[in-house]
Amino acid sequence: MNEACIQQTMDPLAVAYDTNQVYYINYSGKHCGFMPFNSKNYWVYEDSIFDGNGNFKTVKIDTLRYTKTLQTPDQLIWWETKKDVGLPRKIYASENAIYGLENGSFIVDSFYTKRELYEAEKDTVNFLASFVDIVAFGKIIKTTEALRTEAGSFSNYIMLEKYAPGYRRDRVYFVPGFGVIKYTSEFYKAPGPPSNMKLFIKSTLIGYHTEN
């Protein structure tokens, strides 16, 4: 009999933890919500890599897995990965939001802080974001437009954009309850208008396995 997934419901926005309060633990359960987590889930991406001039360089296949878990004093379980698809490396998902657990960039490094990335109730959300210590403009747009990948056609997804003028622009295409279907990251070759931006990486979903 398959173990039922657990819904974590706490809203931990604007909570900070001392690093001594955050521990790696062995956890074998399943979590459902805005993104499903368990040790058997994986998402396979084709990563197209470009050089500093925006010229195609190489392509590789990489897999997103969450194989490590951490626990905070409020008993929340956080999942960790090594792969970057525009989501936090240490992540928690409630029913309608995703949070990232990371060393604080606007507070002392001995604390962790979480930043809310998605809000499911609104069609368009604007907010302040950051790339570590670089301030960025954030935008979330809900859409019903179909996005086709080798893994299938997806609609009703969210596009998250983080844009720091003169530095970087990331876009994450995310299906609530499933995960990332596409991720792009652009950097400026030189300061100036958006036309100076050059594509650095494009990750597109080509396969997956998820269990609830």
N, C-alpha and C. Protein backbone atom coordinates (compact mmCIF):
# COMPACT_ATOMS: atom_id res chain seq x y z
N MET A 1 0.84 -1.20 0.00
CA MET A 1 0.00 0.00 0.00
C MET A 1 0.87 1.25 0.00
N ASN A 2 0.57 2.17 -0.91
CA ASN A 2 1.37 3.39 -1.00
C ASN A 2 1.07 4.32 0.17
N GLU A 3 2.11 4.92 0.69
CA GLU A 3 1.97 5.86 1.78
C GLU A 3 1.38 7.17 1.26
N ALA A 4 0.37 7.68 1.96
CA ALA A 4 -0.26 8.93 1.54
C ALA A 4 0.69 10.09 1.76
N CYS A 5 0.60 11.10 0.89
CA CYS A 5 1.46 12.27 1.05
C CYS A 5 0.90 13.19 2.13
N ILE A 6 1.78 13.96 2.72
CA ILE A 6 1.44 14.87 3.80
C ILE A 6 1.47 16.30 3.28
N GLN A 7 0.48 17.08 3.69
CA GLN A 7 0.43 18.48 3.32
C GLN A 7 0.98 19.33 4.45
N GLN A 8 2.11 20.02 4.21
CA GLN A 8 2.61 20.98 5.18
C GLN A 8 1.89 22.32 4.95
N THR A 9 1.38 22.91 6.00
CA THR A 9 0.48 24.05 5.83
C THR A 9 1.00 25.35 6.43
N MET A 10 2.05 25.32 7.20
CA MET A 10 2.51 26.53 7.88
C MET A 10 3.02 27.57 6.88
N ASP A 11 2.76 28.84 7.18
CA ASP A 11 3.29 29.96 6.40
C ASP A 11 4.51 30.51 7.13
N PRO A 12 5.72 30.16 6.68
CA PRO A 12 6.92 30.59 7.42
C PRO A 12 7.54 31.88 6.92
N LEU A 13 6.80 32.68 6.16
CA LEU A 13 7.35 33.91 5.60
C LEU A 13 7.82 34.84 6.71
N ALA A 14 9.01 35.43 6.50
CA ALA A 14 9.59 36.42 7.41
C ALA A 14 10.03 35.82 8.73
N VAL A 15 10.25 34.51 8.77
CA VAL A 15 10.80 33.86 9.95
C VAL A 15 12.29 33.64 9.73
N ALA A 16 13.08 33.82 10.77
CA ALA A 16 14.52 33.59 10.67
C ALA A 16 14.94 32.53 11.67
N TYR A 17 15.91 31.70 11.28
CA TYR A 17 16.43 30.65 12.15
C TYR A 17 17.93 30.86 12.35
N ASP A 18 18.40 30.60 13.53
CA ASP A 18 19.83 30.52 13.75
C ASP A 18 20.32 29.23 13.09
N THR A 19 21.51 29.26 12.50
CA THR A 19 22.03 28.07 11.83
C THR A 19 22.15 26.88 12.77
N ASN A 20 22.32 27.11 14.05
CA ASN A 20 22.41 26.01 15.01
C ASN A 20 21.07 25.32 15.23
N GLN A 21 19.98 25.91 14.71
CA GLN A 21 18.65 25.33 14.88
C GLN A 21 18.19 24.55 13.66
N VAL A 22 19.00 24.50 12.62
CA VAL A 22 18.63 23.82 11.37
C VAL A 22 19.47 22.56 11.22
N TYR A 23 18.81 21.42 11.09
CA TYR A 23 19.52 20.14 11.08
C TYR A 23 19.15 19.30 9.85
N TYR A 24 20.14 18.59 9.32
CA TYR A 24 19.85 17.56 8.33
C TYR A 24 19.28 16.35 9.06
N ILE A 25 18.23 15.76 8.49
CA ILE A 25 17.61 14.58 9.10
C ILE A 25 17.33 13.55 8.01
N ASN A 26 17.14 12.31 8.41
CA ASN A 26 16.69 11.27 7.49
C ASN A 26 15.17 11.25 7.51
N TYR A 27 14.58 11.49 6.33
CA TYR A 27 13.13 11.57 6.24
C TYR A 27 12.68 10.77 5.02
N SER A 28 11.69 9.90 5.21
CA SER A 28 11.26 9.01 4.12
C SER A 28 9.82 9.26 3.70
N GLY A 29 9.20 10.32 4.21
CA GLY A 29 7.80 10.59 3.87
C GLY A 29 7.63 11.29 2.54
N LYS A 30 6.38 11.56 2.20
CA LYS A 30 6.03 12.26 0.96
C LYS A 30 5.30 13.55 1.32
N HIS A 31 5.58 14.60 0.57
CA HIS A 31 4.88 15.87 0.76
C HIS A 31 4.20 16.27 -0.54
N CYS A 32 2.93 16.62 -0.45
CA CYS A 32 2.21 17.15 -1.59
C CYS A 32 1.89 18.61 -1.33
N GLY A 33 1.54 19.32 -2.37
CA GLY A 33 1.29 20.75 -2.24
C GLY A 33 1.63 21.46 -3.52
N PHE A 34 2.16 22.67 -3.42
CA PHE A 34 2.49 23.46 -4.61
C PHE A 34 3.57 22.78 -5.43
N MET A 35 4.38 21.93 -4.78
CA MET A 35 5.33 21.08 -5.47
C MET A 35 5.44 19.77 -4.70
N PRO A 36 5.41 18.61 -5.40
CA PRO A 36 5.46 17.33 -4.69
C PRO A 36 6.90 16.94 -4.37
N PHE A 37 7.12 16.43 -3.16
CA PHE A 37 8.45 16.03 -2.74
C PHE A 37 8.44 14.62 -2.16
N ASN A 38 9.34 13.81 -2.64
CA ASN A 38 9.75 12.58 -1.96
C ASN A 38 11.01 12.10 -2.65
N SER A 39 11.71 11.18 -2.03
CA SER A 39 13.03 10.78 -2.53
C SER A 39 12.96 10.06 -3.87
N LYS A 40 11.77 9.61 -4.31
CA LYS A 40 11.64 8.89 -5.58
C LYS A 40 11.30 9.81 -6.75
N ASN A 41 10.92 11.01 -6.47
CA ASN A 41 10.56 11.95 -7.55
C ASN A 41 11.79 12.47 -8.26
N TYR A 42 11.69 12.63 -9.59
CA TYR A 42 12.77 13.27 -10.34
C TYR A 42 12.22 13.92 -11.61
N TRP A 43 12.94 14.93 -12.07
CA TRP A 43 12.61 15.67 -13.28
C TRP A 43 13.87 15.74 -14.14
N VAL A 44 13.80 15.33 -15.40
CA VAL A 44 14.95 15.29 -16.29
C VAL A 44 14.88 16.48 -17.25
N TYR A 45 16.00 17.21 -17.37
CA TYR A 45 16.05 18.41 -18.20
C TYR A 45 17.15 18.32 -19.24
N GLU A 46 16.88 18.90 -20.39
CA GLU A 46 17.90 19.14 -21.39
C GLU A 46 18.40 20.56 -21.17
N ASP A 47 19.66 20.69 -20.81
CA ASP A 47 20.26 22.00 -20.54
C ASP A 47 21.08 22.45 -21.73
N SER A 48 20.68 23.56 -22.33
CA SER A 48 21.46 24.18 -23.40
C SER A 48 22.30 25.29 -22.78
N ILE A 49 23.62 25.21 -22.96
CA ILE A 49 24.55 26.16 -22.35
C ILE A 49 25.10 27.09 -23.43
N PHE A 50 25.20 28.38 -23.12
CA PHE A 50 25.68 29.37 -24.06
C PHE A 50 26.89 30.10 -23.48
N ASP A 51 27.74 30.66 -24.35
CA ASP A 51 28.92 31.38 -23.86
C ASP A 51 28.56 32.83 -23.53
N GLY A 52 29.56 33.62 -23.17
CA GLY A 52 29.32 34.99 -22.75
C GLY A 52 28.78 35.89 -23.83
N ASN A 53 28.88 35.47 -25.09
CA ASN A 53 28.33 36.24 -26.20
C ASN A 53 26.95 35.76 -26.64
N GLY A 54 26.41 34.78 -25.90
CA GLY A 54 25.10 34.25 -26.26
C GLY A 54 25.15 33.20 -27.35
N ASN A 55 26.33 32.71 -27.70
CA ASN A 55 26.46 31.66 -28.71
C ASN A 55 26.34 30.29 -28.08
N PHE A 56 25.63 29.40 -28.75
CA PHE A 56 25.44 28.04 -28.23
C PHE A 56 26.78 27.36 -28.03
N LYS A 57 26.93 26.72 -26.88
CA LYS A 57 28.19 26.07 -26.54
C LYS A 57 28.06 24.56 -26.45
N THR A 58 27.10 24.07 -25.65
CA THR A 58 26.96 22.63 -25.50
C THR A 58 25.58 22.32 -24.94
N VAL A 59 25.23 21.05 -24.94
CA VAL A 59 23.97 20.60 -24.37
C VAL A 59 24.27 19.40 -23.47
N LYS A 60 23.56 19.31 -22.37
CA LYS A 60 23.73 18.17 -21.47
C LYS A 60 22.38 17.80 -20.86
N ILE A 61 22.29 16.57 -20.41
CA ILE A 61 21.09 16.07 -19.74
C ILE A 61 21.37 16.02 -18.24
N ASP A 62 20.48 16.60 -17.46
CA ASP A 62 20.68 16.64 -16.01
C ASP A 62 19.36 16.35 -15.32
N THR A 63 19.44 15.81 -14.09
CA THR A 63 18.26 15.39 -13.36
C THR A 63 18.12 16.14 -12.05
N LEU A 64 16.92 16.62 -11.81
CA LEU A 64 16.60 17.29 -10.55
C LEU A 64 16.03 16.27 -9.57
N ARG A 65 16.69 16.11 -8.44
CA ARG A 65 16.23 15.24 -7.37
C ARG A 65 16.35 15.98 -6.04
N TYR A 66 15.49 15.62 -5.11
CA TYR A 66 15.58 16.15 -3.75
C TYR A 66 15.88 14.97 -2.83
N THR A 67 17.14 14.82 -2.49
CA THR A 67 17.58 13.63 -1.77
C THR A 67 17.99 13.90 -0.33
N LYS A 68 18.08 15.17 0.05
CA LYS A 68 18.42 15.52 1.43
C LYS A 68 17.28 16.34 2.04
N THR A 69 17.10 16.20 3.34
CA THR A 69 16.06 16.94 4.03
C THR A 69 16.63 17.60 5.28
N LEU A 70 16.08 18.77 5.59
CA LEU A 70 16.44 19.52 6.79
C LEU A 70 15.18 19.79 7.61
N GLN A 71 15.38 19.99 8.90
CA GLN A 71 14.25 20.32 9.76
C GLN A 71 14.56 21.59 10.55
N THR A 72 13.55 22.45 10.66
CA THR A 72 13.68 23.70 11.41
C THR A 72 12.93 23.57 12.73
N PRO A 73 13.15 24.50 13.67
CA PRO A 73 12.56 24.37 15.00
C PRO A 73 11.03 24.27 15.02
N ASP A 74 10.36 24.78 13.97
CA ASP A 74 8.90 24.68 13.89
C ASP A 74 8.45 23.34 13.30
N GLN A 75 9.38 22.41 13.16
CA GLN A 75 9.11 21.04 12.69
C GLN A 75 8.83 20.96 11.19
N LEU A 76 9.09 22.02 10.45
CA LEU A 76 8.93 21.96 8.99
C LEU A 76 10.07 21.16 8.38
N ILE A 77 9.76 20.42 7.33
CA ILE A 77 10.75 19.67 6.57
C ILE A 77 11.06 20.44 5.29
N TRP A 78 12.35 20.64 5.03
CA TRP A 78 12.83 21.33 3.84
C TRP A 78 13.61 20.34 2.99
N TRP A 79 13.46 20.43 1.66
CA TRP A 79 14.10 19.49 0.74
C TRP A 79 15.23 20.20 0.00
N GLU A 80 16.33 19.49 -0.21
CA GLU A 80 17.52 20.10 -0.81
C GLU A 80 17.94 19.39 -2.09
N THR A 81 18.38 20.17 -3.07
CA THR A 81 18.90 19.65 -4.33
C THR A 81 20.18 20.39 -4.69
N LYS A 82 20.94 19.83 -5.63
CA LYS A 82 22.15 20.48 -6.12
C LYS A 82 21.91 21.19 -7.45
N LYS A 83 20.81 20.84 -8.13
CA LYS A 83 20.58 21.38 -9.47
C LYS A 83 19.80 22.69 -9.41
N ASP A 84 20.15 23.62 -10.27
CA ASP A 84 19.49 24.91 -10.35
C ASP A 84 18.51 24.94 -11.51
N VAL A 85 17.23 25.09 -11.20
CA VAL A 85 16.21 25.33 -12.24
C VAL A 85 15.41 26.58 -11.89
N GLY A 86 16.06 27.51 -11.19
CA GLY A 86 15.41 28.76 -10.83
C GLY A 86 14.66 28.72 -9.52
N LEU A 87 14.60 27.57 -8.87
CA LEU A 87 13.98 27.44 -7.56
C LEU A 87 15.06 27.48 -6.49
N PRO A 88 14.68 27.70 -5.23
CA PRO A 88 15.68 27.63 -4.16
C PRO A 88 16.30 26.23 -4.08
N ARG A 89 17.56 26.16 -3.69
CA ARG A 89 18.22 24.86 -3.52
C ARG A 89 17.66 24.12 -2.30
N LYS A 90 17.27 24.90 -1.27
CA LYS A 90 16.60 24.33 -0.09
C LYS A 90 15.18 24.89 -0.10
N ILE A 91 14.18 24.01 -0.16
CA ILE A 91 12.84 24.45 -0.54
C ILE A 91 11.77 23.83 0.36
N TYR A 92 10.72 24.61 0.57
CA TYR A 92 9.54 24.16 1.30
C TYR A 92 8.32 24.60 0.51
N ALA A 93 7.30 23.73 0.41
CA ALA A 93 6.09 24.05 -0.34
C ALA A 93 4.86 23.81 0.53
N SER A 94 4.03 24.84 0.67
CA SER A 94 2.73 24.68 1.29
C SER A 94 1.72 24.40 0.18
N GLU A 95 0.45 24.58 0.46
CA GLU A 95 -0.56 24.31 -0.55
C GLU A 95 -0.52 25.31 -1.69
N ASN A 96 -0.12 26.54 -1.41
CA ASN A 96 -0.20 27.58 -2.45
C ASN A 96 1.03 28.47 -2.53
N ALA A 97 2.16 28.03 -1.99
CA ALA A 97 3.35 28.87 -2.06
C ALA A 97 4.61 28.02 -1.93
N ILE A 98 5.72 28.59 -2.38
CA ILE A 98 7.04 27.98 -2.26
C ILE A 98 7.94 28.95 -1.52
N TYR A 99 8.77 28.41 -0.65
CA TYR A 99 9.70 29.23 0.11
C TYR A 99 11.11 28.66 -0.03
N GLY A 100 12.10 29.54 0.02
CA GLY A 100 13.48 29.11 -0.04
C GLY A 100 14.19 29.34 1.27
N LEU A 101 14.96 28.37 1.70
CA LEU A 101 15.76 28.48 2.92
C LEU A 101 17.20 28.70 2.50
N GLU A 102 17.77 29.81 2.90
CA GLU A 102 19.11 30.14 2.46
C GLU A 102 19.78 31.05 3.46
N ASN A 103 21.10 31.12 3.40
CA ASN A 103 21.81 32.08 4.22
C ASN A 103 21.36 33.49 3.85
N GLY A 104 21.02 34.26 4.84
CA GLY A 104 20.47 35.59 4.58
C GLY A 104 21.47 36.51 3.92
N SER A 105 21.01 37.28 2.95
CA SER A 105 21.89 38.22 2.27
C SER A 105 21.68 39.64 2.78
N PHE A 106 20.55 39.88 3.45
CA PHE A 106 20.31 41.20 4.01
C PHE A 106 20.33 41.18 5.54
N ILE A 107 20.65 40.00 6.10
CA ILE A 107 20.86 39.87 7.53
C ILE A 107 22.16 39.09 7.71
N VAL A 108 22.61 38.94 8.96
CA VAL A 108 23.91 38.29 9.18
C VAL A 108 23.89 36.85 8.69
N ASP A 109 25.05 36.35 8.27
CA ASP A 109 25.12 35.04 7.67
C ASP A 109 24.83 33.90 8.64
N SER A 110 24.80 34.20 9.95
CA SER A 110 24.54 33.14 10.92
C SER A 110 23.06 32.80 11.03
N PHE A 111 22.24 33.48 10.20
CA PHE A 111 20.81 33.20 10.21
C PHE A 111 20.34 32.76 8.83
N TYR A 112 19.25 31.99 8.84
CA TYR A 112 18.57 31.65 7.60
C TYR A 112 17.33 32.52 7.47
N THR A 113 16.93 32.78 6.23
CA THR A 113 15.69 33.50 6.00
C THR A 113 15.00 32.86 4.79
N LYS A 114 13.70 33.03 4.72
CA LYS A 114 12.93 32.45 3.63
C LYS A 114 12.30 33.54 2.81
N ARG A 115 12.22 33.35 1.52
CA ARG A 115 11.59 34.33 0.65
C ARG A 115 10.49 33.65 -0.16
N GLU A 116 9.29 34.19 -0.07
CA GLU A 116 8.16 33.62 -0.79
C GLU A 116 8.35 33.86 -2.29
N LEU A 117 8.15 32.82 -3.09
CA LEU A 117 8.34 32.97 -4.53
C LEU A 117 7.04 32.96 -5.32
N TYR A 118 6.03 32.24 -4.87
CA TYR A 118 4.82 32.11 -5.68
C TYR A 118 3.58 32.37 -4.84
N GLU A 119 2.56 32.90 -5.48
CA GLU A 119 1.30 33.17 -4.82
C GLU A 119 0.20 32.75 -5.79
N ALA A 120 -0.55 31.72 -5.43
CA ALA A 120 -1.45 31.07 -6.38
C ALA A 120 -2.76 31.82 -6.60
N GLU A 121 -3.17 32.69 -5.67
CA GLU A 121 -4.51 33.26 -5.75
C GLU A 121 -4.63 34.39 -6.77
N LYS A 122 -3.54 35.01 -7.17
CA LYS A 122 -3.60 36.18 -8.03
C LYS A 122 -3.07 35.85 -9.43
N ASP A 123 -3.63 36.55 -10.45
CA ASP A 123 -3.19 36.33 -11.82
C ASP A 123 -1.84 36.97 -12.11
N THR A 124 -1.59 38.14 -11.54
CA THR A 124 -0.31 38.82 -11.72
C THR A 124 0.13 39.40 -10.38
N VAL A 125 1.37 39.16 -10.01
CA VAL A 125 1.92 39.66 -8.76
C VAL A 125 3.26 40.32 -9.06
N ASN A 126 3.48 41.52 -8.56
CA ASN A 126 4.77 42.19 -8.64
C ASN A 126 5.35 42.30 -7.24
N PHE A 127 6.65 42.08 -7.12
CA PHE A 127 7.26 42.10 -5.81
C PHE A 127 8.75 42.38 -5.95
N LEU A 128 9.39 42.71 -4.85
CA LEU A 128 10.84 42.88 -4.83
C LEU A 128 11.50 41.53 -4.59
N ALA A 129 12.56 41.23 -5.35
CA ALA A 129 13.27 39.96 -5.22
C ALA A 129 14.76 40.27 -5.17
N SER A 130 15.57 39.24 -5.35
CA SER A 130 17.02 39.47 -5.35
C SER A 130 17.74 38.29 -5.96
N PHE A 131 18.94 38.54 -6.46
CA PHE A 131 19.91 37.52 -6.81
C PHE A 131 21.01 37.61 -5.76
N VAL A 132 20.89 36.84 -4.69
CA VAL A 132 21.78 36.92 -3.54
C VAL A 132 21.76 38.34 -3.00
N ASP A 133 22.77 39.17 -3.29
CA ASP A 133 22.78 40.53 -2.74
C ASP A 133 22.48 41.59 -3.80
N ILE A 134 21.96 41.17 -4.98
CA ILE A 134 21.58 42.11 -6.03
C ILE A 134 20.06 42.25 -6.04
N VAL A 135 19.55 43.44 -5.83
CA VAL A 135 18.11 43.66 -5.82
C VAL A 135 17.54 43.46 -7.22
N ALA A 136 16.37 42.82 -7.30
CA ALA A 136 15.72 42.55 -8.58
C ALA A 136 14.23 42.84 -8.48
N PHE A 137 13.61 43.01 -9.65
CA PHE A 137 12.17 43.16 -9.73
C PHE A 137 11.57 41.79 -10.03
N GLY A 138 10.58 41.41 -9.24
CA GLY A 138 9.94 40.12 -9.45
C GLY A 138 8.56 40.28 -10.04
N LYS A 139 8.18 39.33 -10.88
CA LYS A 139 6.85 39.33 -11.49
C LYS A 139 6.37 37.89 -11.62
N ILE A 140 5.11 37.65 -11.27
CA ILE A 140 4.50 36.34 -11.42
C ILE A 140 3.27 36.50 -12.30
N ILE A 141 3.18 35.71 -13.35
CA ILE A 141 2.05 35.77 -14.27
C ILE A 141 1.46 34.37 -14.42
N LYS A 142 0.17 34.24 -14.15
CA LYS A 142 -0.53 32.98 -14.39
C LYS A 142 -1.05 32.97 -15.83
N THR A 143 -0.95 31.83 -16.50
CA THR A 143 -1.38 31.76 -17.90
C THR A 143 -2.01 30.41 -18.19
N THR A 144 -2.89 30.38 -19.16
CA THR A 144 -3.50 29.14 -19.62
C THR A 144 -2.91 28.70 -20.96
N GLU A 145 -1.97 29.47 -21.48
CA GLU A 145 -1.34 29.15 -22.76
C GLU A 145 -0.54 27.86 -22.65
N ALA A 146 -0.63 27.00 -23.66
CA ALA A 146 0.07 25.72 -23.63
C ALA A 146 1.56 25.91 -23.92
N LEU A 147 2.39 25.20 -23.18
CA LEU A 147 3.83 25.16 -23.42
C LEU A 147 4.20 23.71 -23.69
N ARG A 148 4.71 23.44 -24.89
CA ARG A 148 5.00 22.07 -25.30
C ARG A 148 6.47 21.72 -25.08
N THR A 149 6.70 20.57 -24.48
CA THR A 149 8.04 20.05 -24.25
C THR A 149 8.08 18.59 -24.68
N GLU A 150 9.25 18.00 -24.67
CA GLU A 150 9.35 16.57 -24.97
C GLU A 150 8.65 15.72 -23.92
N ALA A 151 8.44 16.28 -22.74
CA ALA A 151 7.77 15.55 -21.67
C ALA A 151 6.25 15.68 -21.74
N GLY A 152 5.76 16.50 -22.66
CA GLY A 152 4.33 16.70 -22.80
C GLY A 152 3.98 18.17 -22.96
N SER A 153 2.68 18.42 -23.10
CA SER A 153 2.18 19.78 -23.24
C SER A 153 1.57 20.21 -21.91
N PHE A 154 1.92 21.40 -21.44
CA PHE A 154 1.47 21.87 -20.14
C PHE A 154 0.77 23.22 -20.30
N SER A 155 -0.32 23.38 -19.56
CA SER A 155 -1.02 24.66 -19.52
C SER A 155 -1.32 24.99 -18.06
N ASN A 156 -1.96 26.14 -17.85
CA ASN A 156 -2.25 26.58 -16.48
C ASN A 156 -0.99 26.62 -15.62
N TYR A 157 0.06 27.20 -16.17
CA TYR A 157 1.32 27.29 -15.44
C TYR A 157 1.58 28.75 -15.03
N ILE A 158 2.59 28.93 -14.23
CA ILE A 158 3.00 30.23 -13.74
C ILE A 158 4.35 30.58 -14.36
N MET A 159 4.50 31.82 -14.80
CA MET A 159 5.81 32.28 -15.24
C MET A 159 6.33 33.26 -14.18
N LEU A 160 7.44 32.90 -13.57
CA LEU A 160 8.09 33.77 -12.59
C LEU A 160 9.30 34.42 -13.26
N GLU A 161 9.36 35.75 -13.18
CA GLU A 161 10.50 36.48 -13.73
C GLU A 161 11.18 37.27 -12.62
N LYS A 162 12.49 37.16 -12.55
CA LYS A 162 13.31 38.02 -11.69
C LYS A 162 14.26 38.79 -12.60
N TYR A 163 14.22 40.12 -12.50
CA TYR A 163 14.96 40.96 -13.44
C TYR A 163 15.72 42.03 -12.68
N ALA A 164 17.04 41.99 -12.80
CA ALA A 164 17.91 43.02 -12.23
C ALA A 164 18.53 43.79 -13.39
N PRO A 165 18.06 45.00 -13.68
CA PRO A 165 18.58 45.76 -14.82
C PRO A 165 20.10 45.90 -14.77
N GLY A 166 20.72 45.65 -15.91
CA GLY A 166 22.17 45.73 -16.00
C GLY A 166 22.90 44.52 -15.46
N TYR A 167 22.15 43.49 -15.02
CA TYR A 167 22.81 42.33 -14.42
C TYR A 167 22.27 41.00 -14.94
N ARG A 168 20.98 40.70 -14.69
CA ARG A 168 20.51 39.34 -14.97
C ARG A 168 18.98 39.30 -15.04
N ARG A 169 18.47 38.35 -15.83
CA ARG A 169 17.03 38.08 -15.87
C ARG A 169 16.81 36.57 -15.93
N ASP A 170 16.04 36.06 -14.96
CA ASP A 170 15.67 34.64 -14.92
C ASP A 170 14.17 34.50 -15.13
N ARG A 171 13.78 33.44 -15.83
CA ARG A 171 12.36 33.12 -16.00
C ARG A 171 12.15 31.63 -15.70
N VAL A 172 11.21 31.37 -14.81
CA VAL A 172 10.87 30.00 -14.43
C VAL A 172 9.43 29.73 -14.81
N TYR A 173 9.20 28.66 -15.57
CA TYR A 173 7.85 28.27 -15.98
C TYR A 173 7.46 27.08 -15.12
N PHE A 174 6.46 27.27 -14.27
CA PHE A 174 6.19 26.34 -13.19
C PHE A 174 4.71 25.92 -13.19
N VAL A 175 4.47 24.60 -13.12
CA VAL A 175 3.11 24.08 -13.02
C VAL A 175 2.82 23.76 -11.56
N PRO A 176 1.87 24.45 -10.92
CA PRO A 176 1.55 24.15 -9.53
C PRO A 176 1.17 22.68 -9.33
N GLY A 177 1.71 22.07 -8.30
CA GLY A 177 1.46 20.67 -8.02
C GLY A 177 2.33 19.71 -8.80
N PHE A 178 3.18 20.26 -9.68
CA PHE A 178 4.04 19.41 -10.51
C PHE A 178 5.50 19.82 -10.46
N GLY A 179 5.82 21.04 -10.91
CA GLY A 179 7.21 21.47 -10.89
C GLY A 179 7.58 22.33 -12.09
N VAL A 180 8.87 22.51 -12.32
CA VAL A 180 9.39 23.38 -13.36
C VAL A 180 9.39 22.66 -14.70
N ILE A 181 8.84 23.32 -15.72
CA ILE A 181 8.85 22.74 -17.07
C ILE A 181 9.87 23.44 -17.98
N LYS A 182 10.27 24.65 -17.60
CA LYS A 182 11.27 25.37 -18.38
C LYS A 182 11.92 26.44 -17.51
N TYR A 183 13.21 26.68 -17.77
CA TYR A 183 13.94 27.70 -17.02
C TYR A 183 14.96 28.34 -17.95
N THR A 184 14.99 29.67 -17.96
CA THR A 184 16.01 30.38 -18.74
C THR A 184 16.69 31.42 -17.86
N SER A 185 17.98 31.64 -18.11
CA SER A 185 18.73 32.65 -17.39
C SER A 185 19.55 33.45 -18.38
N GLU A 186 19.43 34.77 -18.32
CA GLU A 186 20.16 35.67 -19.21
C GLU A 186 21.01 36.62 -18.38
N PHE A 187 22.18 36.94 -18.90
CA PHE A 187 23.07 37.89 -18.25
C PHE A 187 23.39 39.02 -19.22
N TYR A 188 23.73 40.18 -18.68
CA TYR A 188 24.16 41.28 -19.52
C TYR A 188 25.63 41.08 -19.91
N LYS A 189 25.89 41.21 -21.19
CA LYS A 189 27.28 41.21 -21.64
C LYS A 189 27.95 42.51 -21.25
N ALA A 190 27.19 43.60 -21.29
CA ALA A 190 27.67 44.94 -20.90
C ALA A 190 26.46 45.74 -20.44
N PRO A 191 26.67 46.72 -19.57
CA PRO A 191 25.53 47.54 -19.12
C PRO A 191 24.84 48.21 -20.30
N GLY A 192 23.54 48.38 -20.16
CA GLY A 192 22.79 49.02 -21.23
C GLY A 192 21.37 48.49 -21.31
N PRO A 193 20.74 48.60 -22.47
CA PRO A 193 19.35 48.18 -22.63
C PRO A 193 19.22 46.66 -22.63
N PRO A 194 17.97 46.16 -22.51
CA PRO A 194 17.75 44.70 -22.50
C PRO A 194 18.31 43.98 -23.72
N SER A 195 18.51 44.70 -24.83
CA SER A 195 19.07 44.06 -26.03
C SER A 195 20.50 43.58 -25.80
N ASN A 196 21.15 44.08 -24.76
CA ASN A 196 22.51 43.63 -24.44
C ASN A 196 22.53 42.33 -23.65
N MET A 197 21.35 41.81 -23.32
CA MET A 197 21.30 40.57 -22.56
C MET A 197 21.59 39.38 -23.46
N LYS A 198 22.33 38.42 -22.92
CA LYS A 198 22.70 37.22 -23.67
C LYS A 198 22.24 35.99 -22.90
N LEU A 199 21.64 35.04 -23.61
CA LEU A 199 21.18 33.81 -22.99
C LEU A 199 22.37 33.01 -22.47
N PHE A 200 22.26 32.58 -21.22
CA PHE A 200 23.33 31.82 -20.59
C PHE A 200 22.96 30.34 -20.47
N ILE A 201 21.71 30.06 -20.08
CA ILE A 201 21.27 28.67 -19.98
C ILE A 201 19.78 28.57 -20.26
N LYS A 202 19.40 27.47 -20.88
CA LYS A 202 17.98 27.16 -21.08
C LYS A 202 17.78 25.70 -20.72
N SER A 203 16.93 25.43 -19.73
CA SER A 203 16.63 24.07 -19.29
C SER A 203 15.19 23.76 -19.63
N THR A 204 14.97 22.66 -20.34
CA THR A 204 13.63 22.26 -20.75
C THR A 204 13.36 20.83 -20.31
N LEU A 205 12.20 20.61 -19.74
CA LEU A 205 11.82 19.29 -19.23
C LEU A 205 11.68 18.29 -20.37
N ILE A 206 12.31 17.12 -20.22
CA ILE A 206 12.18 16.07 -21.24
C ILE A 206 11.67 14.76 -20.65
N GLY A 207 11.58 14.66 -19.33
CA GLY A 207 11.06 13.45 -18.69
C GLY A 207 10.91 13.65 -17.20
N TYR A 208 10.12 12.80 -16.56
CA TYR A 208 9.90 12.96 -15.13
C TYR A 208 9.26 11.70 -14.53
N HIS A 209 9.34 11.60 -13.22
CA HIS A 209 8.63 10.58 -12.47
C HIS A 209 8.24 11.20 -11.13
N THR A 210 6.92 11.27 -10.85
CA THR A 210 6.45 11.82 -9.59
C THR A 210 5.43 10.87 -8.96
N GLU A 211 5.45 10.81 -7.65
CA GLU A 211 4.51 10.01 -6.87
C GLU A 211 3.89 10.90 -5.81
N ASN A 212 2.56 10.79 -5.64
CA ASN A 212 1.86 11.54 -4.61
C ASN A 212 1.49 10.60 -3.46
